[in-house]
Amino acid sequence: MGGPPYDCLANPLGAVRLTFEKAIGSGTQTHPSAFDGKDWGALDVFRHFLFQESGLSQVPILNPKTMRWVRPYTLVRYRGMIQDMLGNEIYAGAYKDGYLWRTNKFMDISQYPMGSSPDMCVWERRLLYCVPVPGQSSWTEPSCEMNLNQGMDQSSQNRGKRRRMDDEDDPMDVVHDDEVKSSPTTKKMREDGFPFSSPESRDSKTGSSCTSMATFQYVDKDYLPCLVKIYDSPESELKLNDVVEFIGVLSFDSELALEKDDELSNNFYDDALVYLPPNKLQVPRLHCIIHRKLAVHDFLQGFPIMEPKPHLVKEIREALFRHLTAVLGNDGVAAHFMLLHLLSKVHARAFDVFVGKLSLNLIGLSKESVSVFGIRLSQAVKNLLPFTHCIPLTLEYLNTASLAPKRDYQTNRLIRGVLQLPEGSHLMVDETQLESGTLNSKGIENTKLLKNLVEFQKVEYDFQYCKMEMAADVQLLIFSEGKSNIVPADVVIPFQPSSLGSSEIPVAEAVEAWRWYLATVQSLPYSIGSEMQKEVEDDLVAARQADRSLGSQDFNRWMTMARLVSTSFGETSLSMEHWQMVKELERLRMERLK
């Protein structure tokens, strides 16, 4: 037999069909209804290819640049945030074609006429509307040249494989272009003016379809949302705002672009989905075979993943601290707090206590100083963290911006707001531009949203008839002249630069190490030993006796700082040295506030 039995990369639908036919013919499952839409062995084939044969690196990532050459009905990856969950979709999952059972799983259209045979299985799949991750830094994106070279190489190899398989009349059949082209739905698409990719129209240089880009001609060249269809996954596994990598079959605009009263027998789709808004009908569709939630480590490309040993962590910490100090005009105290702020993360929630968050308010900044240090710090943060955002907090912005996500009941879709962000996002708020004036009702609502986010790490989603609070995990950094009342931070520190500092660009190796450091030590486990716990309690009692104005918020801040200082050195338990550092940082901060 010539060639591999399954071509998962160039012909994933062929692999799905072959595993289906094998399962039906094995005798263990004689009727597709026994599957109830669940996997029959296809996932094992793809997992083996992707993770055991290192095929994942060969799968192109779908983005506006790769859309120029990627071919429909091939395996692709899409990285994005779940912006909206569109519910379930009913489809004809399996049907009988003469004496043969066939499947439509991972497809929008049927390859073969389904006729009016009663032998048909109706299954369900979920539909997610995904968008590029808001505020995603450019350094997280894989090289387009790498994707392009992979696509050209794989296209050439797979055409060769197909020719060999066709020449040898390989019984392990594949889904050919002419099969899809001859389907009744495809004919309807051609009649209605929808382009279709034929082998003759491929670009001789890239092996890609000349018309594949025309299929998605209405997609923004800099922004590529995607409709992802989910199979074989419990609903609780994915939630709104998750950042996910979906691996699956790229599809044309198909049944959703057809009229509702289409006479095709495979028109089993939900009425609500047939009437998707025009802008969502033009986005590519991906039939997800395998998905995985992405963490910050998944966006690191240069630095190797290794164990965070204290001596290594301490060395990287010192280099990052020096960098932050230079960016902040040699203000070492502000640099210490900035480092802890970048390591903050919500680890636990109990009533109104959120363990791990540490928002930071740098005060004493003017419009002029923000134009220097604010911009420089913003660039530094974007170079270190995967998801960053900036808000210019002017009166006009507060009165007009849509911060809260809102449900549009005419289209039954969730319209994204500025504060619909994935976990681990960093948000910078520039309050130095704010002038006196009057807030309208929207401005008042926006100030409440910002205050709710910084204090309780929650965002209210507007469903018109009710409002629902959604948990968030966003680091907030505020620039202001005086203490911010709109965004009341956990730590307020006067910014006192002694020079303009250095604007030198650090070497790439150092930046990669800093990214790894921030992503790694942020999630280290942490505990306080019994001896240190008694020492801390005694210090808190003494501090309360010396200053009756201290309350639970102050003590919670100290405990959060203790955790962040310890983990910043790669330690998983609090030591006396690090507790003394926390107290010294607080003393220096309070001196500045006086």
Protein backbone atom coordinates (compact mmCIF):
# COMPACT_ATOMS: atom_id res chain seq x y z
CA MET A 1 0.00 0.00 0.00
CA GLY A 2 1.49 3.34 -1.01
CA GLY A 3 1.44 6.32 1.32
CA PRO A 4 0.12 6.62 4.89
CA PRO A 5 -3.33 5.22 5.76
CA TYR A 6 -4.56 8.61 7.00
CA ASP A 7 -3.63 12.04 5.70
CA CYS A 8 -4.72 14.03 8.76
CA LEU A 9 -3.17 17.28 7.58
CA ALA A 10 -4.34 17.69 3.98
CA ASN A 11 -7.38 15.42 4.12
CA PRO A 12 -8.78 15.28 7.66
CA LEU A 13 -12.30 14.49 6.41
CA GLY A 14 -10.91 11.40 4.71
CA ALA A 15 -9.52 10.21 8.04
CA VAL A 16 -12.86 10.88 9.72
CA ARG A 17 -14.74 8.97 7.03
CA LEU A 18 -12.39 6.00 7.08
CA THR A 19 -12.52 5.61 10.85
CA PHE A 20 -16.31 5.86 10.69
CA GLU A 21 -16.57 3.14 8.03
CA LYS A 22 -14.16 0.98 10.03
CA ALA A 23 -16.24 1.38 13.21
CA ILE A 24 -19.50 0.63 11.38
CA GLY A 25 -18.02 -2.42 9.68
CA SER A 26 -16.28 -3.80 12.76
CA GLY A 27 -19.40 -5.47 14.08
CA THR A 28 -19.14 -3.76 17.47
CA GLN A 29 -21.32 -0.86 16.31
CA THR A 30 -23.69 -1.87 13.54
CA HIS A 31 -25.80 1.29 13.62
CA PRO A 32 -24.55 4.92 13.93
CA SER A 33 -27.27 5.70 16.47
CA ALA A 34 -25.16 3.78 18.98
CA PHE A 35 -22.54 6.53 18.77
CA ASP A 36 -25.08 9.28 19.57
CA GLY A 37 -22.69 11.73 17.91
CA LYS A 38 -19.75 10.72 20.12
CA ASP A 39 -16.29 9.79 18.90
CA TRP A 40 -15.84 6.40 17.24
CA GLY A 41 -12.04 6.40 17.19
CA ALA A 42 -11.23 9.38 14.94
CA LEU A 43 -9.86 11.45 17.85
CA ASP A 44 -7.21 8.82 18.62
CA VAL A 45 -5.97 9.04 15.04
CA PHE A 46 -5.61 12.83 15.25
CA ARG A 47 -4.07 12.76 18.72
CA HIS A 48 -1.49 10.27 17.52
CA PHE A 49 -0.63 12.45 14.53
CA LEU A 50 -0.55 15.74 16.46
CA PHE A 51 1.18 14.75 19.67
CA GLN A 52 3.01 11.45 19.10
CA GLU A 53 4.17 12.09 15.56
CA SER A 54 4.84 15.80 16.28
CA GLY A 55 2.32 16.82 13.64
CA LEU A 56 1.10 19.86 15.62
CA SER A 57 3.96 22.02 14.36
CA GLN A 58 2.93 21.24 10.77
CA VAL A 59 -0.63 22.51 11.22
CA PRO A 60 -0.90 26.15 10.05
CA ILE A 61 -2.32 28.74 12.43
CA LEU A 62 -5.30 30.49 10.88
CA ASN A 63 -4.94 34.29 10.85
CA PRO A 64 -5.43 37.11 8.29
CA LYS A 65 -1.99 36.51 6.79
CA THR A 66 -2.20 32.74 6.41
CA MET A 67 -5.66 33.04 4.84
CA ARG A 68 -3.86 33.93 1.60
CA TRP A 69 -2.71 30.36 1.09
CA VAL A 70 -4.49 28.00 3.48
CA ARG A 71 -6.88 25.59 1.72
CA PRO A 72 -10.42 24.75 2.81
CA TYR A 73 -11.12 21.22 4.10
CA THR A 74 -7.58 20.99 5.52
CA LEU A 75 -6.48 20.85 9.14
CA VAL A 76 -5.80 24.26 10.72
CA ARG A 77 -5.29 25.79 14.15
CA TYR A 78 -7.13 28.85 15.42
CA ARG A 79 -6.17 30.70 18.59
CA GLY A 80 -8.78 33.01 20.05
CA MET A 81 -11.03 34.07 22.91
CA ILE A 82 -14.58 32.79 23.25
CA GLN A 83 -16.61 35.99 22.90
CA ASP A 84 -20.05 34.44 22.63
CA MET A 85 -21.64 31.01 23.05
CA LEU A 86 -24.31 30.62 20.39
CA GLY A 87 -25.98 27.49 21.68
CA ASN A 88 -26.47 24.14 20.01
CA GLU A 89 -26.94 23.29 16.36
CA ILE A 90 -28.79 20.25 15.04
CA TYR A 91 -27.33 18.47 12.03
CA ALA A 92 -27.72 15.20 10.13
CA GLY A 93 -24.76 13.34 11.63
CA ALA A 94 -25.12 10.05 9.79
CA TYR A 95 -27.27 8.80 6.92
CA LYS A 96 -27.61 5.80 4.64
CA ASP A 97 -26.45 6.13 1.04
CA GLY A 98 -27.73 2.97 -0.61
CA TYR A 99 -26.21 0.19 1.47
CA LEU A 100 -23.50 2.37 2.99
CA TRP A 101 -23.63 4.50 6.11
CA ARG A 102 -21.96 7.89 5.74
CA THR A 103 -21.27 10.70 8.21
CA ASN A 104 -21.47 14.50 8.08
CA LYS A 105 -19.55 14.99 11.31
CA PHE A 106 -16.98 17.84 11.07
CA MET A 107 -18.68 19.06 7.88
CA ASP A 108 -21.08 21.84 6.93
CA ILE A 109 -22.37 20.13 3.81
CA SER A 110 -23.04 16.57 2.80
CA GLN A 111 -20.63 15.02 0.29
CA TYR A 112 -23.34 12.85 -1.23
CA PRO A 113 -27.08 13.32 -1.89
CA MET A 114 -28.96 12.27 1.23
CA GLY A 115 -32.32 11.78 -0.46
CA SER A 116 -35.39 11.14 1.66
CA SER A 117 -34.22 7.96 3.34
CA PRO A 118 -35.58 7.48 6.87
CA ASP A 119 -32.22 5.99 7.85
CA MET A 120 -30.71 9.12 9.35
CA CYS A 121 -29.21 10.09 12.72
CA VAL A 122 -29.69 13.63 14.00
CA TRP A 123 -26.91 14.85 16.30
CA GLU A 124 -25.98 18.09 18.04
CA ARG A 125 -22.90 20.31 18.14
CA ARG A 126 -22.15 23.59 19.91
CA LEU A 127 -21.37 26.84 18.16
CA LEU A 128 -18.88 29.37 19.58
CA TYR A 129 -18.10 32.80 18.21
CA CYS A 130 -14.39 33.38 18.78
CA VAL A 131 -12.26 36.45 18.19
CA PRO A 132 -8.52 37.22 18.29
CA VAL A 133 -7.49 37.64 21.92
CA PRO A 134 -8.08 41.32 22.85
CA GLY A 135 -4.84 43.20 23.36
CA GLN A 136 -2.64 40.30 22.29
CA SER A 137 0.99 41.41 22.04
CA SER A 138 2.72 41.00 18.70
CA TRP A 139 5.52 38.86 20.18
CA THR A 140 3.05 36.07 20.93
CA GLU A 141 2.21 35.59 17.27
CA PRO A 142 4.10 32.82 15.43
CA SER A 143 6.15 33.92 12.46
CA CYS A 144 4.04 34.22 9.32
CA GLU A 145 7.06 33.18 7.25
CA MET A 146 7.29 29.96 9.25
CA ASN A 147 3.59 29.27 8.68
CA LEU A 148 3.92 30.09 4.98
CA ASN A 149 6.91 27.82 4.48
CA GLN A 150 5.16 24.99 6.32
CA GLY A 151 2.05 25.50 4.21
CA MET A 152 3.98 25.43 0.94
CA ASP A 153 6.01 22.37 1.95
CA GLN A 154 3.01 20.44 3.24
CA SER A 155 0.89 21.36 0.21
CA SER A 156 3.58 20.06 -2.12
CA GLN A 157 4.10 16.88 -0.12
CA ASN A 158 0.40 16.12 0.17
CA ARG A 159 -0.23 16.63 -3.55
CA GLY A 160 2.51 14.10 -4.15
CA LYS A 161 0.95 11.71 -1.68
CA ARG A 162 -2.44 12.03 -3.34
CA ARG A 163 -0.99 11.33 -6.76
CA ARG A 164 0.78 8.22 -5.46
CA MET A 165 -2.36 7.01 -3.73
CA ASP A 166 -4.49 7.66 -6.81
CA ASP A 167 -1.97 5.98 -9.14
CA GLU A 168 -1.88 2.87 -7.01
CA ASP A 169 -5.64 2.82 -6.57
CA ASP A 170 -5.22 2.85 -2.80
CA PRO A 171 -8.34 1.48 -1.10
CA MET A 172 -7.84 3.97 1.75
CA ASP A 173 -9.87 6.53 -0.14
CA VAL A 174 -9.69 10.29 0.41
CA VAL A 175 -12.16 13.14 0.05
CA HIS A 176 -11.39 14.64 -3.36
CA ASP A 177 -12.20 18.12 -4.54
CA ASP A 178 -14.56 16.83 -7.21
CA GLU A 179 -16.60 14.93 -4.60
CA VAL A 180 -17.25 18.06 -2.60
CA LYS A 181 -17.67 20.11 -5.76
CA SER A 182 -20.40 17.78 -7.01
CA SER A 183 -22.46 17.89 -3.82
CA PRO A 184 -25.92 19.49 -4.16
CA THR A 185 -25.16 22.18 -1.61
CA THR A 186 -22.00 23.17 -3.46
CA LYS A 187 -23.96 23.40 -6.72
CA LYS A 188 -26.41 25.72 -4.98
CA MET A 189 -23.46 27.82 -3.74
CA ARG A 190 -22.08 28.15 -7.26
CA GLU A 191 -25.48 29.18 -8.61
CA ASP A 192 -25.75 31.86 -5.91
CA GLY A 193 -22.32 33.21 -6.70
CA PHE A 194 -20.27 31.57 -3.92
CA PRO A 195 -16.77 30.77 -5.24
CA PHE A 196 -15.39 27.27 -5.01
CA SER A 197 -11.78 26.14 -5.13
CA SER A 198 -10.96 23.73 -7.93
CA PRO A 199 -7.65 21.95 -8.47
CA GLU A 200 -7.12 23.87 -11.69
CA SER A 201 -7.25 27.22 -9.90
CA ARG A 202 -4.37 26.54 -7.52
CA ASP A 203 -1.44 28.91 -7.45
CA SER A 204 1.53 27.23 -9.11
CA LYS A 205 3.94 28.76 -6.60
CA THR A 206 2.21 28.02 -3.29
CA GLY A 207 -0.01 25.08 -4.19
CA SER A 208 -2.91 26.96 -2.63
CA SER A 209 -6.23 27.89 -4.12
CA CYS A 210 -6.40 31.20 -5.97
CA THR A 211 -10.05 31.55 -4.96
CA SER A 212 -9.80 30.44 -1.34
CA MET A 213 -9.20 34.02 -0.24
CA ALA A 214 -12.18 35.14 -2.29
CA THR A 215 -14.34 32.81 -0.21
CA PHE A 216 -13.50 34.93 2.82
CA GLN A 217 -13.24 38.21 0.90
CA TYR A 218 -15.32 40.08 3.48
CA VAL A 219 -13.01 39.22 6.38
CA ASP A 220 -11.10 42.20 7.80
CA LYS A 221 -7.49 41.96 6.68
CA ASP A 222 -6.25 42.71 10.22
CA TYR A 223 -8.91 40.92 12.27
CA LEU A 224 -10.14 37.38 11.83
CA PRO A 225 -13.01 36.08 13.98
CA CYS A 226 -14.08 32.47 13.59
CA LEU A 227 -17.20 30.38 14.13
CA VAL A 228 -16.05 27.22 15.89
CA LYS A 229 -18.24 24.11 15.98
CA ILE A 230 -17.54 21.89 18.99
CA TYR A 231 -18.01 18.13 19.20
CA ASP A 232 -17.25 15.50 21.87
CA SER A 233 -16.81 18.00 24.70
CA PRO A 234 -18.91 18.62 27.83
CA GLU A 235 -20.41 22.10 28.00
CA SER A 236 -18.71 22.83 31.32
CA GLU A 237 -15.26 22.36 29.78
CA LEU A 238 -15.28 25.70 27.93
CA LYS A 239 -16.57 29.02 29.24
CA LEU A 240 -16.92 32.60 28.08
CA ASN A 241 -13.62 34.51 27.73
CA ASP A 242 -11.45 31.37 27.73
CA VAL A 243 -8.40 31.57 25.47
CA VAL A 244 -8.36 28.36 23.45
CA GLU A 245 -6.50 26.77 20.57
CA PHE A 246 -8.91 24.91 18.30
CA ILE A 247 -7.59 22.31 15.84
CA GLY A 248 -10.01 21.24 13.18
CA VAL A 249 -11.30 21.33 9.62
CA LEU A 250 -11.55 24.70 7.87
CA SER A 251 -14.88 25.16 6.11
CA PHE A 252 -16.47 27.45 3.53
CA ASP A 253 -19.48 29.65 4.10
CA SER A 254 -22.07 27.03 3.47
CA GLU A 255 -25.47 26.27 4.93
CA LEU A 256 -25.72 29.51 6.88
CA ALA A 257 -25.25 31.46 3.66
CA LEU A 258 -28.18 29.66 2.03
CA GLU A 259 -31.80 30.68 2.22
CA LYS A 260 -33.86 29.25 5.02
CA ASP A 261 -36.31 27.60 2.61
CA ASP A 262 -33.55 25.72 0.77
CA GLU A 263 -34.94 22.44 -0.56
CA LEU A 264 -31.85 20.40 0.36
CA SER A 265 -32.60 17.51 2.64
CA ASN A 266 -29.67 18.30 4.94
CA ASN A 267 -31.06 21.64 6.09
CA PHE A 268 -31.31 20.68 9.78
CA TYR A 269 -29.88 23.86 11.24
CA ASP A 270 -31.30 25.97 14.03
CA ASP A 271 -33.45 28.87 12.84
CA ALA A 272 -31.59 31.27 15.12
CA LEU A 273 -28.32 30.38 13.45
CA VAL A 274 -29.69 30.68 9.93
CA TYR A 275 -30.32 34.34 10.64
CA LEU A 276 -26.85 35.20 11.88
CA PRO A 277 -25.94 38.85 11.18
CA PRO A 278 -24.21 39.40 7.81
CA ASN A 279 -20.85 40.18 9.41
CA LYS A 280 -20.87 36.75 11.05
CA LEU A 281 -21.88 34.93 7.90
CA GLN A 282 -18.62 35.97 6.26
CA VAL A 283 -16.20 34.57 8.86
CA PRO A 284 -14.47 31.22 8.38
CA ARG A 285 -15.82 28.16 10.15
CA LEU A 286 -13.76 25.60 11.95
CA HIS A 287 -15.08 22.16 12.84
CA CYS A 288 -13.10 21.46 15.99
CA ILE A 289 -11.58 18.01 16.38
CA ILE A 290 -9.30 18.76 19.34
CA HIS A 291 -9.02 21.84 21.52
CA ARG A 292 -6.86 22.92 24.44
CA LYS A 293 -7.02 25.91 26.76
CA LEU A 294 -3.97 28.14 26.49
CA ALA A 295 -1.89 29.44 29.37
CA VAL A 296 0.79 32.12 29.19
CA HIS A 297 3.45 29.44 28.73
CA ASP A 298 1.81 28.44 25.45
CA PHE A 299 2.67 31.87 24.05
CA LEU A 300 6.35 31.72 25.00
CA GLN A 301 8.48 30.86 22.01
CA GLY A 302 12.14 31.46 22.76
CA PHE A 303 12.91 30.54 26.37
CA PRO A 304 12.93 26.81 27.25
CA ILE A 305 10.50 25.58 29.88
CA MET A 306 12.43 24.56 32.98
CA GLU A 307 12.08 24.09 36.71
CA PRO A 308 12.00 27.46 38.55
CA LYS A 309 14.98 26.82 40.84
CA PRO A 310 15.56 29.67 43.34
CA HIS A 311 19.09 30.53 42.19
CA LEU A 312 17.94 30.83 38.55
CA VAL A 313 14.81 32.77 39.50
CA LYS A 314 16.78 35.17 41.70
CA GLU A 315 19.20 35.95 38.87
CA ILE A 316 16.39 36.68 36.41
CA ARG A 317 14.51 38.69 39.06
CA GLU A 318 17.48 40.97 39.64
CA ALA A 319 17.86 41.64 35.91
CA LEU A 320 14.14 42.40 35.51
CA PHE A 321 14.18 44.66 38.57
CA ARG A 322 17.09 46.64 37.11
CA HIS A 323 15.16 46.99 33.85
CA LEU A 324 12.01 48.24 35.59
CA THR A 325 14.07 50.65 37.70
CA ALA A 326 15.61 52.14 34.57
CA VAL A 327 12.20 52.43 32.88
CA LEU A 328 10.83 54.21 35.98
CA GLY A 329 13.59 56.83 36.10
CA ASN A 330 15.65 55.06 38.81
CA ASP A 331 12.74 54.98 41.26
CA GLY A 332 13.65 51.72 43.01
CA VAL A 333 10.67 51.70 45.37
CA ALA A 334 8.19 52.10 42.51
CA ALA A 335 10.07 49.38 40.59
CA HIS A 336 9.67 46.97 43.55
CA PHE A 337 5.92 47.54 43.65
CA MET A 338 5.72 47.34 39.87
CA LEU A 339 7.40 43.92 39.93
CA LEU A 340 4.95 42.64 42.56
CA HIS A 341 2.06 44.09 40.55
CA LEU A 342 3.15 42.22 37.40
CA LEU A 343 3.21 38.97 39.40
CA SER A 344 -0.26 39.45 40.92
CA LYS A 345 -3.04 37.02 40.13
CA VAL A 346 -6.34 36.02 41.73
CA HIS A 347 -5.64 32.69 43.44
CA ALA A 348 -8.82 32.41 45.50
CA ARG A 349 -12.13 34.17 46.13
CA ALA A 350 -13.94 34.25 49.46
CA PHE A 351 -16.84 36.68 49.91
CA ASP A 352 -15.26 40.11 49.21
CA VAL A 353 -11.65 38.94 49.66
CA PHE A 354 -9.67 38.17 46.54
CA VAL A 355 -6.36 36.52 47.35
CA GLY A 356 -3.50 37.53 45.09
CA LYS A 357 -4.70 40.71 43.37
CA LEU A 358 -2.55 43.84 43.69
CA SER A 359 -3.68 46.83 41.64
CA LEU A 360 -1.22 49.74 41.56
CA ASN A 361 -1.80 53.51 41.41
CA LEU A 362 1.25 55.62 40.53
CA ILE A 363 0.43 59.18 41.61
CA GLY A 364 2.21 62.50 41.16
CA LEU A 365 2.13 62.13 37.37
CA SER A 366 1.23 64.97 35.04
CA LYS A 367 0.30 64.94 31.35
CA GLU A 368 3.91 65.74 30.53
CA SER A 369 5.47 63.02 32.71
CA VAL A 370 2.97 60.42 31.47
CA SER A 371 4.03 61.23 27.92
CA VAL A 372 7.53 60.06 28.93
CA PHE A 373 7.30 57.49 31.71
CA GLY A 374 3.76 56.31 31.01
CA ILE A 375 4.52 55.52 27.38
CA ARG A 376 7.83 53.93 28.29
CA LEU A 377 6.23 51.76 30.98
CA SER A 378 3.38 50.85 28.64
CA GLN A 379 5.85 49.64 26.03
CA ALA A 380 7.78 47.67 28.64
CA VAL A 381 4.62 45.93 29.89
CA LYS A 382 3.51 45.07 26.34
CA ASN A 383 6.91 43.52 25.78
CA LEU A 384 6.56 41.34 28.89
CA LEU A 385 2.91 40.27 29.07
CA PRO A 386 0.78 38.56 26.39
CA PHE A 387 -2.45 40.61 26.79
CA THR A 388 -2.28 44.35 27.51
CA HIS A 389 -4.70 47.27 27.14
CA CYS A 390 -4.67 51.04 27.68
CA ILE A 391 -7.65 53.26 28.54
CA PRO A 392 -7.43 57.06 28.22
CA LEU A 393 -9.75 58.04 31.05
CA THR A 394 -11.15 61.32 29.72
CA LEU A 395 -14.60 62.71 30.38
CA GLU A 396 -15.61 62.05 26.78
CA TYR A 397 -14.36 58.47 26.99
CA LEU A 398 -16.34 57.77 30.16
CA ASN A 399 -19.51 59.27 28.66
CA THR A 400 -19.32 57.39 25.35
CA ALA A 401 -17.30 54.15 25.73
CA SER A 402 -18.99 50.75 25.83
CA LEU A 403 -17.14 49.08 28.70
CA ALA A 404 -19.70 46.40 29.56
CA PRO A 405 -20.56 43.53 27.20
CA LYS A 406 -24.20 43.80 26.18
CA ARG A 407 -26.74 41.32 24.86
CA ASP A 408 -28.46 42.36 21.64
CA TYR A 409 -31.79 40.55 21.66
CA GLN A 410 -32.60 41.42 18.05
CA THR A 411 -29.74 39.19 16.91
CA ASN A 412 -29.49 37.30 20.24
CA ARG A 413 -25.75 37.97 20.29
CA LEU A 414 -23.36 39.27 22.94
CA ILE A 415 -21.68 42.51 21.84
CA ARG A 416 -18.20 42.72 23.31
CA GLY A 417 -17.32 45.57 25.65
CA VAL A 418 -13.87 46.94 26.48
CA LEU A 419 -13.85 45.05 29.79
CA GLN A 420 -14.61 41.64 28.29
CA LEU A 421 -11.08 40.36 28.76
CA PRO A 422 -9.46 36.95 29.27
CA GLU A 423 -7.78 35.96 32.51
CA GLY A 424 -4.28 37.35 32.89
CA SER A 425 -4.96 40.60 31.02
CA HIS A 426 -3.18 43.79 32.06
CA LEU A 427 -5.10 47.08 31.95
CA MET A 428 -3.44 50.52 32.15
CA VAL A 429 -5.68 53.49 32.96
CA ASP A 430 -4.39 57.01 32.27
CA GLU A 431 -6.34 59.40 34.50
CA THR A 432 -4.04 62.39 33.95
CA GLN A 433 -6.19 63.48 30.98
CA LEU A 434 -9.35 63.72 33.09
CA GLU A 435 -10.76 67.24 33.49
CA SER A 436 -13.71 68.61 35.43
CA GLY A 437 -17.12 68.18 33.86
CA THR A 438 -20.41 66.32 34.11
CA LEU A 439 -20.85 62.59 33.74
CA ASN A 440 -23.96 61.43 31.93
CA SER A 441 -25.77 58.21 32.87
CA LYS A 442 -23.40 56.12 30.75
CA GLY A 443 -20.39 57.82 32.34
CA ILE A 444 -21.69 57.05 35.83
CA GLU A 445 -22.27 53.43 34.81
CA ASN A 446 -18.75 53.17 33.37
CA THR A 447 -17.17 54.50 36.57
CA LYS A 448 -19.07 51.87 38.55
CA LEU A 449 -17.84 49.18 36.17
CA LEU A 450 -14.20 50.23 36.61
CA LYS A 451 -14.52 50.46 40.38
CA ASN A 452 -16.20 47.05 40.52
CA LEU A 453 -13.39 45.54 38.45
CA VAL A 454 -10.54 46.94 40.54
CA GLU A 455 -12.17 46.19 43.91
CA PHE A 456 -13.94 42.89 43.29
CA GLN A 457 -12.44 41.56 40.05
CA LYS A 458 -15.90 41.31 38.50
CA VAL A 459 -17.51 42.78 35.40
CA GLU A 460 -21.25 43.31 35.02
CA TYR A 461 -22.62 41.99 31.72
CA ASP A 462 -25.68 43.88 30.53
CA PHE A 463 -28.52 41.55 29.52
CA GLN A 464 -30.99 44.50 29.37
CA TYR A 465 -33.58 42.80 31.58
CA CYS A 466 -30.98 41.89 34.19
CA LYS A 467 -27.27 42.26 34.88
CA MET A 468 -24.96 39.38 35.61
CA GLU A 469 -21.56 39.62 37.30
CA MET A 470 -18.78 37.63 35.66
CA ALA A 471 -15.53 36.84 37.46
CA ALA A 472 -12.39 38.48 36.05
CA ASP A 473 -8.65 38.36 36.69
CA VAL A 474 -7.18 41.61 35.38
CA GLN A 475 -4.09 43.48 36.61
CA LEU A 476 -4.86 47.23 36.83
CA LEU A 477 -2.22 49.97 36.71
CA ILE A 478 -3.45 53.55 37.13
CA PHE A 479 -1.59 56.78 36.30
CA SER A 480 -2.95 59.89 38.03
CA GLU A 481 -1.97 63.21 39.59
CA GLY A 482 -3.60 62.45 42.93
CA LYS A 483 -5.09 59.29 44.40
CA SER A 484 -7.69 57.93 42.00
CA ASN A 485 -11.26 57.88 43.27
CA ILE A 486 -12.63 56.33 40.08
CA VAL A 487 -10.25 53.35 40.15
CA PRO A 488 -9.26 52.90 43.85
CA ALA A 489 -6.17 50.69 43.78
CA ASP A 490 -4.79 48.33 46.42
CA VAL A 491 -1.44 50.15 46.45
CA VAL A 492 -1.06 53.91 46.05
CA ILE A 493 2.52 55.16 45.72
CA PRO A 494 3.88 58.58 44.78
CA PHE A 495 6.13 58.27 41.73
CA GLN A 496 9.53 59.93 42.35
CA PRO A 497 11.91 59.52 39.39
CA SER A 498 15.41 60.91 39.80
CA SER A 499 16.31 60.88 36.10
CA LEU A 500 14.89 60.12 32.69
CA GLY A 501 16.42 56.69 33.03
CA SER A 502 17.53 54.46 30.21
CA SER A 503 15.51 53.83 27.08
CA GLU A 504 17.83 51.10 25.78
CA ILE A 505 16.14 48.07 24.28
CA PRO A 506 17.14 44.93 26.23
CA VAL A 507 18.54 41.95 24.36
CA ALA A 508 16.02 39.38 23.13
CA GLU A 509 17.38 36.58 25.34
CA ALA A 510 16.86 38.67 28.47
CA VAL A 511 13.29 39.60 27.50
CA GLU A 512 12.43 35.96 26.83
CA ALA A 513 13.79 35.02 30.26
CA TRP A 514 11.69 37.74 31.90
CA ARG A 515 8.54 36.52 30.15
CA TRP A 516 9.22 32.98 31.34
CA TYR A 517 9.88 34.26 34.87
CA LEU A 518 6.62 36.23 35.11
CA ALA A 519 4.59 33.33 33.73
CA THR A 520 6.24 30.73 35.94
CA VAL A 521 6.63 32.18 39.43
CA GLN A 522 3.13 33.69 39.29
CA SER A 523 1.64 30.22 39.71
CA LEU A 524 4.03 28.79 42.31
CA PRO A 525 2.38 27.20 45.36
CA TYR A 526 2.67 29.14 48.60
CA SER A 527 2.30 28.53 52.32
CA ILE A 528 3.25 30.04 55.68
CA GLY A 529 4.89 27.83 58.30
CA SER A 530 3.58 27.77 61.86
CA GLU A 531 6.51 29.75 63.27
CA MET A 532 6.27 32.45 60.63
CA GLN A 533 2.51 32.55 61.05
CA LYS A 534 2.90 33.46 64.75
CA GLU A 535 5.53 36.09 63.86
CA VAL A 536 3.22 37.65 61.29
CA GLU A 537 0.25 37.66 63.69
CA ASP A 538 2.32 39.38 66.38
CA ASP A 539 3.45 42.05 63.89
CA LEU A 540 -0.12 42.68 62.75
CA VAL A 541 -1.32 43.07 66.34
CA ALA A 542 1.54 45.48 67.10
CA ALA A 543 0.83 47.50 63.96
CA ARG A 544 -2.85 47.77 64.89
CA GLN A 545 -2.00 48.98 68.37
CA ALA A 546 0.35 51.62 66.92
CA ASP A 547 -2.13 52.82 64.29
CA ARG A 548 -5.85 52.33 64.89
CA SER A 549 -6.64 53.42 61.31
CA LEU A 550 -5.26 50.13 59.95
CA GLY A 551 -7.97 47.71 58.89
CA SER A 552 -8.54 44.39 57.20
CA GLN A 553 -7.77 45.82 53.74
CA ASP A 554 -4.31 46.89 54.90
CA PHE A 555 -3.57 43.48 56.43
CA ASN A 556 -4.84 41.70 53.32
CA ARG A 557 -2.51 43.86 51.24
CA TRP A 558 0.45 42.96 53.46
CA MET A 559 -0.32 39.26 53.18
CA THR A 560 -0.64 39.53 49.41
CA MET A 561 2.69 41.35 49.25
CA ALA A 562 4.28 38.64 51.42
CA ARG A 563 3.16 35.99 48.99
CA LEU A 564 4.35 37.97 45.95
CA VAL A 565 7.74 38.81 47.47
CA SER A 566 8.34 35.14 48.36
CA THR A 567 7.32 33.77 44.98
CA SER A 568 9.28 36.51 43.19
CA PHE A 569 12.41 34.82 44.56
CA GLY A 570 11.17 31.36 43.59
CA GLU A 571 10.32 30.44 47.18
CA THR A 572 7.12 28.63 48.09
CA SER A 573 6.98 29.59 51.78
CA LEU A 574 7.39 32.87 53.63
CA SER A 575 10.74 33.51 55.29
CA MET A 576 11.68 36.13 57.88
CA GLU A 577 13.87 37.90 55.32
CA HIS A 578 11.01 38.32 52.88
CA TRP A 579 8.56 39.40 55.60
CA GLN A 580 11.01 42.10 56.66
CA MET A 581 11.20 43.22 53.02
CA VAL A 582 7.42 43.60 52.93
CA LYS A 583 7.44 45.76 56.06
CA GLU A 584 10.27 47.89 54.70
CA LEU A 585 8.48 48.48 51.40
CA GLU A 586 5.35 49.54 53.28
CA ARG A 587 7.39 51.88 55.49
CA LEU A 588 8.99 53.56 52.46
CA ARG A 589 5.62 53.89 50.75
CA MET A 590 3.96 55.43 53.81
CA GLU A 591 6.82 57.93 54.17
CA ARG A 592 6.17 59.11 50.62
CA LEU A 593 2.45 59.44 51.26
CA LYS A 594 3.11 61.69 54.27
